[in-house]
Every structure is written in structure tokens, then in C-alpha cells.
C-alpha atoms as a PDB file:
ATOM      1  CA  UNK A   1     116.012 -74.473-114.681  1.00  0.00           C
ATOM      2  CA  UNK A   2     117.942 -72.741-117.463  1.00  0.00           C
ATOM      3  CA  UNK A   3     118.294 -74.140-120.949  1.00  0.00           C
ATOM      4  CA  UNK A   4     121.812 -75.315-121.766  1.00  0.00           C
ATOM      5  CA  UNK A   5     123.415 -76.680-124.922  1.00  0.00           C
ATOM      6  CA  UNK A   6     126.778 -78.260-125.627  1.00  0.00           C
ATOM      7  CA  UNK A   7     129.007 -77.215-128.525  1.00  0.00           C
ATOM      8  CA  UNK A   8     130.509 -80.448-129.789  1.00  0.00           C
ATOM      9  CA  UNK A   9     128.515 -83.660-130.146  1.00  0.00           C
ATOM     10  CA  UNK A  10     131.484 -86.023-130.033  1.00  0.00           C
ATOM     11  CA  UNK A  11     132.703 -88.185-127.182  1.00  0.00           C
ATOM     12  CA  UNK A  12     133.764 -85.361-124.902  1.00  0.00           C
ATOM     13  CA  UNK A  13     130.544 -83.461-125.530  1.00  0.00           C
ATOM     14  CA  UNK A  14     128.551 -86.491-124.439  1.00  0.00           C
ATOM     15  CA  UNK A  15     130.752 -86.812-121.342  1.00  0.00           C
ATOM     16  CA  UNK A  16     129.957 -83.194-120.518  1.00  0.00           C
ATOM     17  CA  UNK A  17     126.243 -84.015-120.847  1.00  0.00           C
ATOM     18  CA  UNK A  18     126.783 -86.735-118.229  1.00  0.00           C
ATOM     19  CA  UNK A  19     128.574 -84.201-116.036  1.00  0.00           C
ATOM     20  CA  UNK A  20     125.669 -81.751-116.290  1.00  0.00           C
ATOM     21  CA  UNK A  21     123.296 -84.557-115.318  1.00  0.00           C
ATOM     22  CA  UNK A  22     125.487 -85.298-112.281  1.00  0.00           C
ATOM     23  CA  UNK A  23     125.279 -81.647-111.246  1.00  0.00           C
ATOM     24  CA  UNK A  24     121.502 -81.699-111.713  1.00  0.00           C
ATOM     25  CA  UNK A  25     121.221 -84.759-109.473  1.00  0.00           C
ATOM     26  CA  UNK A  26     122.695 -82.670-106.623  1.00  0.00           C
ATOM     27  CA  UNK A  27     121.242 -79.274-107.489  1.00  0.00           C
ATOM     28  CA  UNK A  28     118.903 -79.027-110.512  1.00  0.00           C
ATOM     29  CA  UNK A  29     120.166 -76.133-112.642  1.00  0.00           C
ATOM     30  CA  UNK A  30     119.968 -76.928-116.335  1.00  0.00           C
ATOM     31  CA  UNK A  31     117.750 -78.421-118.992  1.00  0.00           C
ATOM     32  CA  UNK A  32     119.919 -79.883-121.773  1.00  0.00           C
ATOM     33  CA  UNK A  33     118.271 -78.962-125.091  1.00  0.00           C
ATOM     34  CA  UNK A  34     120.878 -80.612-127.350  1.00  0.00           C
ATOM     35  CA  UNK A  35     124.123 -80.019-129.210  1.00  0.00           C
ATOM     36  CA  UNK A  36     125.586 -77.627-131.747  1.00  0.00           C
ATOM     37  CA  UNK A  37     128.242 -78.983-134.086  1.00  0.00           C
ATOM     38  CA  UNK A  38     129.652 -77.739-137.412  1.00  0.00           C
ATOM     39  CA  UNK A  39     130.624 -81.227-138.529  1.00  0.00           C
ATOM     40  CA  UNK A  40     127.470 -83.218-137.816  1.00  0.00           C
ATOM     41  CA  UNK A  41     124.098 -83.356-139.531  1.00  0.00           C
ATOM     42  CA  UNK A  42     121.174 -81.458-138.027  1.00  0.00           C
ATOM     43  CA  UNK A  43     118.841 -83.884-136.284  1.00  0.00           C
ATOM     44  CA  UNK A  44     121.533 -86.461-135.543  1.00  0.00           C
ATOM     45  CA  UNK A  45     120.465 -88.199-132.356  1.00  0.00           C
ATOM     46  CA  UNK A  46     122.689 -89.000-129.388  1.00  0.00           C
ATOM     47  CA  UNK A  47     121.699 -90.562-126.085  1.00  0.00           C
ATOM     48  CA  UNK A  48     121.797 -87.050-124.517  1.00  0.00           C
ATOM     49  CA  UNK A  49     120.099 -84.951-127.179  1.00  0.00           C
ATOM     50  CA  UNK A  50     119.946 -84.113-130.869  1.00  0.00           C
ATOM     51  CA  UNK A  51     122.210 -81.905-132.978  1.00  0.00           C
ATOM     52  CA  UNK A  52     120.389 -78.585-133.317  1.00  0.00           C
ATOM     53  CA  UNK A  53     122.596 -76.934-135.919  1.00  0.00           C
ATOM     54  CA  UNK A  54     125.937 -75.226-136.478  1.00  0.00           C
ATOM     55  CA  UNK A  55     127.431 -71.913-135.381  1.00  0.00           C
ATOM     56  CA  UNK A  56     125.095 -69.977-137.695  1.00  0.00           C
ATOM     57  CA  UNK A  57     122.125 -71.577-135.956  1.00  0.00           C
ATOM     58  CA  UNK A  58     123.617 -70.701-132.576  1.00  0.00           C
ATOM     59  CA  UNK A  59     124.240 -67.084-133.533  1.00  0.00           C
ATOM     60  CA  UNK A  60     120.611 -66.715-134.613  1.00  0.00           C
ATOM     61  CA  UNK A  61     119.172 -68.391-131.480  1.00  0.00           C
ATOM     62  CA  UNK A  62     116.460 -66.089-130.169  1.00  0.00           C
ATOM     63  CA  UNK A  63     116.254 -67.153-126.518  1.00  0.00           C
ATOM     64  CA  UNK A  64     118.705 -66.907-123.598  1.00  0.00           C
ATOM     65  CA  UNK A  65     120.916 -69.995-123.589  1.00  0.00           C
ATOM     66  CA  UNK A  66     123.797 -71.302-121.516  1.00  0.00           C
ATOM     67  CA  UNK A  67     126.486 -72.956-123.623  1.00  0.00           C
ATOM     68  CA  UNK A  68     129.395 -75.292-122.872  1.00  0.00           C
ATOM     69  CA  UNK A  69     132.169 -75.588-125.470  1.00  0.00           C
ATOM     70  CA  UNK A  70     133.233 -79.243-125.195  1.00  0.00           C
ATOM     71  CA  UNK A  71     136.045 -79.565-127.728  1.00  0.00           C
ATOM     72  CA  UNK A  72     139.360 -81.136-126.719  1.00  0.00           C
ATOM     73  CA  UNK A  73     141.570 -78.921-128.886  1.00  0.00           C
ATOM     74  CA  UNK A  74     142.527 -75.455-127.610  1.00  0.00           C
ATOM     75  CA  UNK A  75     142.863 -73.998-131.115  1.00  0.00           C
ATOM     76  CA  UNK A  76     139.301 -74.971-132.020  1.00  0.00           C
ATOM     77  CA  UNK A  77     137.891 -73.881-128.663  1.00  0.00           C
ATOM     78  CA  UNK A  78     139.336 -70.399-129.166  1.00  0.00           C
ATOM     79  CA  UNK A  79     138.113 -70.235-132.761  1.00  0.00           C
ATOM     80  CA  UNK A  80     134.584 -71.285-131.825  1.00  0.00           C
ATOM     81  CA  UNK A  81     134.327 -68.857-128.910  1.00  0.00           C
ATOM     82  CA  UNK A  82     135.607 -65.951-131.011  1.00  0.00           C
ATOM     83  CA  UNK A  83     132.941 -66.669-133.647  1.00  0.00           C
ATOM     84  CA  UNK A  84     129.993 -66.746-131.239  1.00  0.00           C
ATOM     85  CA  UNK A  85     128.400 -63.314-131.552  1.00  0.00           C
ATOM     86  CA  UNK A  86     124.949 -63.919-130.084  1.00  0.00           C
ATOM     87  CA  UNK A  87     124.487 -61.681-126.993  1.00  0.00           C
ATOM     88  CA  UNK A  88     121.906 -64.123-125.584  1.00  0.00           C
ATOM     89  CA  UNK A  89     124.580 -66.793-125.030  1.00  0.00           C
ATOM     90  CA  UNK A  90     126.164 -67.195-121.577  1.00  0.00           C
ATOM     91  CA  UNK A  91     129.099 -69.417-120.684  1.00  0.00           C
ATOM     92  CA  UNK A  92     128.746 -70.929-117.193  1.00  0.00           C
ATOM     93  CA  UNK A  93     131.461 -72.816-115.378  1.00  0.00           C
ATOM     94  CA  UNK A  94     130.632 -76.529-115.241  1.00  0.00           C
ATOM     95  CA  UNK A  95     132.195 -77.996-112.095  1.00  0.00           C
ATOM     96  CA  UNK A  96     131.762 -81.640-111.100  1.00  0.00           C
ATOM     97  CA  UNK A  97     130.221 -82.260-107.669  1.00  0.00           C
ATOM     98  CA  UNK A  98     133.222 -84.469-106.841  1.00  0.00           C
ATOM     99  CA  UNK A  99     135.670 -81.558-107.188  1.00  0.00           C
ATOM    100  CA  UNK A 100     137.584 -80.912-103.965  1.00  0.00           C
ATOM    101  CA  UNK A 101     138.334 -77.284-103.047  1.00  0.00           C
ATOM    102  CA  UNK A 102     140.761 -76.726-100.183  1.00  0.00           C
ATOM    103  CA  UNK A 103     139.537 -73.128 -99.906  1.00  0.00           C
ATOM    104  CA  UNK A 104     136.800 -72.317-102.411  1.00  0.00           C
ATOM    105  CA  UNK A 105     136.625 -68.706-101.229  1.00  0.00           C
ATOM    106  CA  UNK A 106     140.238 -68.271-102.384  1.00  0.00           C
ATOM    107  CA  UNK A 107     139.732 -69.610-105.928  1.00  0.00           C
ATOM    108  CA  UNK A 108     138.733 -67.299-108.792  1.00  0.00           C
ATOM    109  CA  UNK A 109     137.166 -68.580-112.001  1.00  0.00           C
ATOM    110  CA  UNK A 110     136.443 -66.713-115.194  1.00  0.00           C
ATOM    111  CA  UNK A 111     133.793 -68.161-117.499  1.00  0.00           C
ATOM    112  CA  UNK A 112     133.276 -71.229-119.643  1.00  0.00           C
ATOM    113  CA  UNK A 113     135.530 -73.580-117.670  1.00  0.00           C
ATOM    114  CA  UNK A 114     134.874 -77.320-117.390  1.00  0.00           C
ATOM    115  CA  UNK A 115     136.119 -79.182-114.314  1.00  0.00           C
ATOM    116  CA  UNK A 116     135.491 -82.922-114.592  1.00  0.00           C
ATOM    117  CA  UNK A 117     135.330 -85.504-111.823  1.00  0.00           C
ATOM    118  CA  UNK A 118     137.779 -85.868-108.929  1.00  0.00           C
ATOM    119  CA  UNK A 119     139.909 -82.771-109.486  1.00  0.00           C
ATOM    120  CA  UNK A 120     141.522 -81.116-106.445  1.00  0.00           C
ATOM    121  CA  UNK A 121     141.960 -77.350-106.427  1.00  0.00           C
ATOM    122  CA  UNK A 122     144.116 -75.870-103.684  1.00  0.00           C
ATOM    123  CA  UNK A 123     144.280 -72.285-102.397  1.00  0.00           C
ATOM    124  CA  UNK A 124     145.025 -68.912-104.010  1.00  0.00           C
ATOM    125  CA  UNK A 125     144.196 -70.104-107.528  1.00  0.00           C
ATOM    126  CA  UNK A 126     143.257 -67.906-110.491  1.00  0.00           C
ATOM    127  CA  UNK A 127     141.676 -69.675-113.481  1.00  0.00           C
ATOM    128  CA  UNK A 128     140.620 -67.499-116.418  1.00  0.00           C
ATOM    129  CA  UNK A 129     138.289 -68.544-119.275  1.00  0.00           C
ATOM    130  CA  UNK A 130     137.433 -71.675-121.299  1.00  0.00           C
ATOM    131  CA  UNK A 131     139.822 -74.156-119.692  1.00  0.00           C
ATOM    132  CA  UNK A 132     139.138 -77.896-119.617  1.00  0.00           C
ATOM    133  CA  UNK A 133     140.251 -79.975-116.607  1.00  0.00           C
ATOM    134  CA  UNK A 134     139.539 -83.492-117.812  1.00  0.00           C
ATOM    135  CA  UNK A 135     139.386 -85.399-114.522  1.00  0.00           C
ATOM    136  CA  UNK A 136     141.685 -86.492-111.649  1.00  0.00           C
ATOM    137  CA  UNK A 137     143.791 -83.317-111.837  1.00  0.00           C
ATOM    138  CA  UNK A 138     145.357 -81.706-108.756  1.00  0.00           C
ATOM    139  CA  UNK A 139     146.066 -77.973-109.042  1.00  0.00           C
ATOM    140  CA  UNK A 140     148.529 -76.839-106.375  1.00  0.00           C
ATOM    141  CA  UNK A 141     148.609 -73.613-104.372  1.00  0.00           C
ATOM    142  CA  UNK A 142     149.209 -70.191-105.955  1.00  0.00           C
ATOM    143  CA  UNK A 143     148.678 -71.293-109.573  1.00  0.00           C
ATOM    144  CA  UNK A 144     147.660 -68.897-112.338  1.00  0.00           C
ATOM    145  CA  UNK A 145     146.000 -70.417-115.409  1.00  0.00           C
ATOM    146  CA  UNK A 146     145.117 -68.405-118.509  1.00  0.00           C
ATOM    147  CA  UNK A 147     142.598 -69.121-121.275  1.00  0.00           C
ATOM    148  CA  UNK A 148     141.749 -71.998-123.634  1.00  0.00           C
ATOM    149  CA  UNK A 149     143.947 -74.631-122.009  1.00  0.00           C
ATOM    150  CA  UNK A 150     143.071 -78.316-122.448  1.00  0.00           C
ATOM    151  CA  UNK A 151     144.354 -80.427-119.556  1.00  0.00           C
ATOM    152  CA  UNK A 152     143.911 -84.143-120.076  1.00  0.00           C
ATOM    153  CA  UNK A 153     143.206 -86.713-117.315  1.00  0.00           C
ATOM    154  CA  UNK A 154     145.602 -87.172-114.386  1.00  0.00           C
ATOM    155  CA  UNK A 155     147.860 -84.219-115.186  1.00  0.00           C
ATOM    156  CA  UNK A 156     149.644 -83.033-112.027  1.00  0.00           C
ATOM    157  CA  UNK A 157     149.990 -79.248-111.732  1.00  0.00           C
ATOM    158  CA  UNK A 158     152.237 -78.410-108.783  1.00  0.00           C
ATOM    159  CA  UNK A 159     152.189 -75.282-106.626  1.00  0.00           C
ATOM    160  CA  UNK A 160     153.156 -71.892-108.009  1.00  0.00           C
ATOM    161  CA  UNK A 161     152.807 -72.894-111.665  1.00  0.00           C
ATOM    162  CA  UNK A 162     151.911 -70.186-114.207  1.00  0.00           C
ATOM    163  CA  UNK A 163     150.175 -71.250-117.419  1.00  0.00           C
ATOM    164  CA  UNK A 164     149.445 -68.964-120.371  1.00  0.00           C
ATOM    165  CA  UNK A 165     146.922 -69.506-123.164  1.00  0.00           C
ATOM    166  CA  UNK A 166     145.982 -72.249-125.646  1.00  0.00           C
ATOM    167  CA  UNK A 167     148.189 -75.013-124.260  1.00  0.00           C
ATOM    168  CA  UNK A 168     147.591 -78.779-124.414  1.00  0.00           C
ATOM    169  CA  UNK A 169     148.717 -81.065-121.558  1.00  0.00           C
ATOM    170  CA  UNK A 170     148.871 -84.779-122.402  1.00  0.00           C
ATOM    171  CA  UNK A 171     147.575 -87.517-120.105  1.00  0.00           C
ATOM    172  CA  UNK A 172     149.538 -87.926-116.845  1.00  0.00           C
ATOM    173  CA  UNK A 173     152.032 -85.179-117.621  1.00  0.00           C
ATOM    174  CA  UNK A 174     153.601 -83.454-114.611  1.00  0.00           C
ATOM    175  CA  UNK A 175     154.338 -79.760-114.179  1.00  0.00           C
ATOM    176  CA  UNK A 176     156.782 -79.281-111.312  1.00  0.00           C
ATOM    177  CA  UNK A 177     156.512 -76.426-108.850  1.00  0.00           C
ATOM    178  CA  UNK A 178     156.949 -72.813-110.035  1.00  0.00           C
ATOM    179  CA  UNK A 179     157.348 -73.773-113.689  1.00  0.00           C
ATOM    180  CA  UNK A 180     156.042 -71.288-116.270  1.00  0.00           C
ATOM    181  CA  UNK A 181     154.238 -72.547-119.371  1.00  0.00           C
ATOM    182  CA  UNK A 182     153.862 -69.969-122.141  1.00  0.00           C
ATOM    183  CA  UNK A 183     151.332 -70.011-124.974  1.00  0.00           C
ATOM    184  CA  UNK A 184     150.530 -72.615-127.651  1.00  0.00           C
ATOM    185  CA  UNK A 185     152.668 -75.251-125.931  1.00  0.00           C
ATOM    186  CA  UNK A 186     152.032 -78.993-126.333  1.00  0.00           C
ATOM    187  CA  UNK A 187     153.180 -81.383-123.603  1.00  0.00           C
ATOM    188  CA  UNK A 188     153.266 -85.096-124.381  1.00  0.00           C
ATOM    189  CA  UNK A 189     151.651 -87.798-122.271  1.00  0.00           C
ATOM    190  CA  UNK A 190     153.678 -88.822-119.181  1.00  0.00           C
ATOM    191  CA  UNK A 191     156.153 -85.977-119.745  1.00  0.00           C
ATOM    192  CA  UNK A 192     157.706 -84.158-116.777  1.00  0.00           C
ATOM    193  CA  UNK A 193     158.270 -80.414-117.099  1.00  0.00           C
ATOM    194  CA  UNK A 194     161.318 -79.419-115.098  1.00  0.00           C
ATOM    195  CA  UNK A 195     162.055 -76.157-116.941  1.00  0.00           C
ATOM    196  CA  UNK A 196     159.978 -73.268-118.217  1.00  0.00           C
ATOM    197  CA  UNK A 197     158.250 -73.909-121.554  1.00  0.00           C
ATOM    198  CA  UNK A 198     158.681 -71.497-124.468  1.00  0.00           C
ATOM    199  CA  UNK A 199     155.820 -70.500-126.738  1.00  0.00           C
ATOM    200  CA  UNK A 200     154.938 -72.751-129.644  1.00  0.00           C
ATOM    201  CA  UNK A 201     156.994 -75.837-128.800  1.00  0.00           C
ATOM    202  CA  UNK A 202     156.229 -79.486-128.156  1.00  0.00           C
ATOM    203  CA  UNK A 203     157.797 -80.985-125.014  1.00  0.00           C
ATOM    204  CA  UNK A 204     158.159 -84.728-124.508  1.00  0.00           C
ATOM    205  CA  UNK A 205     159.934 -87.119-122.148  1.00  0.00           C
ATOM    206  CA  UNK A 206     161.177 -87.323-118.553  1.00  0.00           C
ATOM    207  CA  UNK A 207     162.645 -84.789-118.199  1.00  0.00           C
ATOM    208  CA  UNK A 208     160.679 -83.156-121.024  1.00  0.00           C
ATOM    209  CA  UNK A 209     162.797 -82.005-123.970  1.00  0.00           C
ATOM    210  CA  UNK A 210     161.888 -79.229-126.382  1.00  0.00           C
ATOM    211  CA  UNK A 211     160.876 -80.132-129.932  1.00  0.00           C
ATOM    212  CA  UNK A 212     159.614 -77.871-132.704  1.00  0.00           C
ATOM    213  CA  UNK A 213     155.952 -78.342-133.576  1.00  0.00           C
END
């Protein structure tokens, strides 16, 4: 089994620890050694491991280590990843055993993605790096998803959707078929995207309306 740590010792980080344990129950892969967190005291104990240090500690780690970045804000995820310089760190994809793939051979993942329980991923899907699918999310056919996107529970991504980088999708939002989402977009909970989203805007409502961040 490989050593693995989680960056972020908050609620989502602890959920990811549970997810890793679920994966290990099916196919033992990882030994969780603890958490890294810039905002918590070294030695702080959680039910899934202790806080080992901050990003400086991580960058000086002298053994090979798998790492999951479990932060629910795309801006911070990108910042953390860009500041990890240790060549001994790898970023595996963490995919819940309950994920349904309609054609796994026709789905391409980059690195560092987290797919939580009961997601459904269709066919001809390209998912790049460091995306979070936070449970009960269907991803329709022919979707392209960029980097550093945080997709909250029960978001519905229809077929043919294209998503850029560093976007945040609120709980139960809906992206209708063939919509394009740019970069740094925020979509409010329960909003329905019926038009393409421009970079740097907040969209809210049904149908979702554009608002300046």
C-alpha cells in the first residue's frame, strides 16, 4: 500500500478520508498518514489522522507520497497545487467505488480529481486535473471539463457541455445540453444555465441571470 495524505483537514478533507477508506475496503491501495493544512496546528488530531504540517512541511517531505487536495474553493485549490514543488508528490485520482461509468474505456482523466459517491459518468468524457465532483452528479455524453472546478452535490451536467477552469457550481444547479462555461464562473445553488457563461461572472436563478462578482 502507498502512503497518502490529504491537504485540508476540514470537513471535506475528513470526507475524503472516508472515501479513501471505502476504496480500501474494495481494493486496498493507500495508507492514510494524516493531513497537511496551513491553517491548523501541527499535531491536531482528527478521527482520520493528525495534522502533519503546512505546505513547507510538504515540500520538504523526503519520501514518495500520494496527495489529495480536498479544498472546496477552486481559487485555493489552484494556489495550493501551484505552490507544491516537491517532486516526490503524486496526485492520484480518487474515485468512489459507487461511481457508475457507462463506458469507462471512453473516459479520460488527468490527475488529482476527486469523484465522490453515486456520480454517473457517461461516454466520450474528458476530465482534466484537480476537479471535485462532490456526490450524486451525472455527467452527460461528450463533455469536456477543464481544471480546478468544484462541483457541489447533485449538480446536473447535461450532454455536450464544455467547462473551462476554476469554476464553482452550487448545489443542485443544472447545466443544460451543449452549454459552454468559461473560467472563474460562479453558479448559484438551484440555478439553471440556459445560455453560455462568460468569464468571471456569477449566475443565479431559473433561468440563471448574469451578475458581476
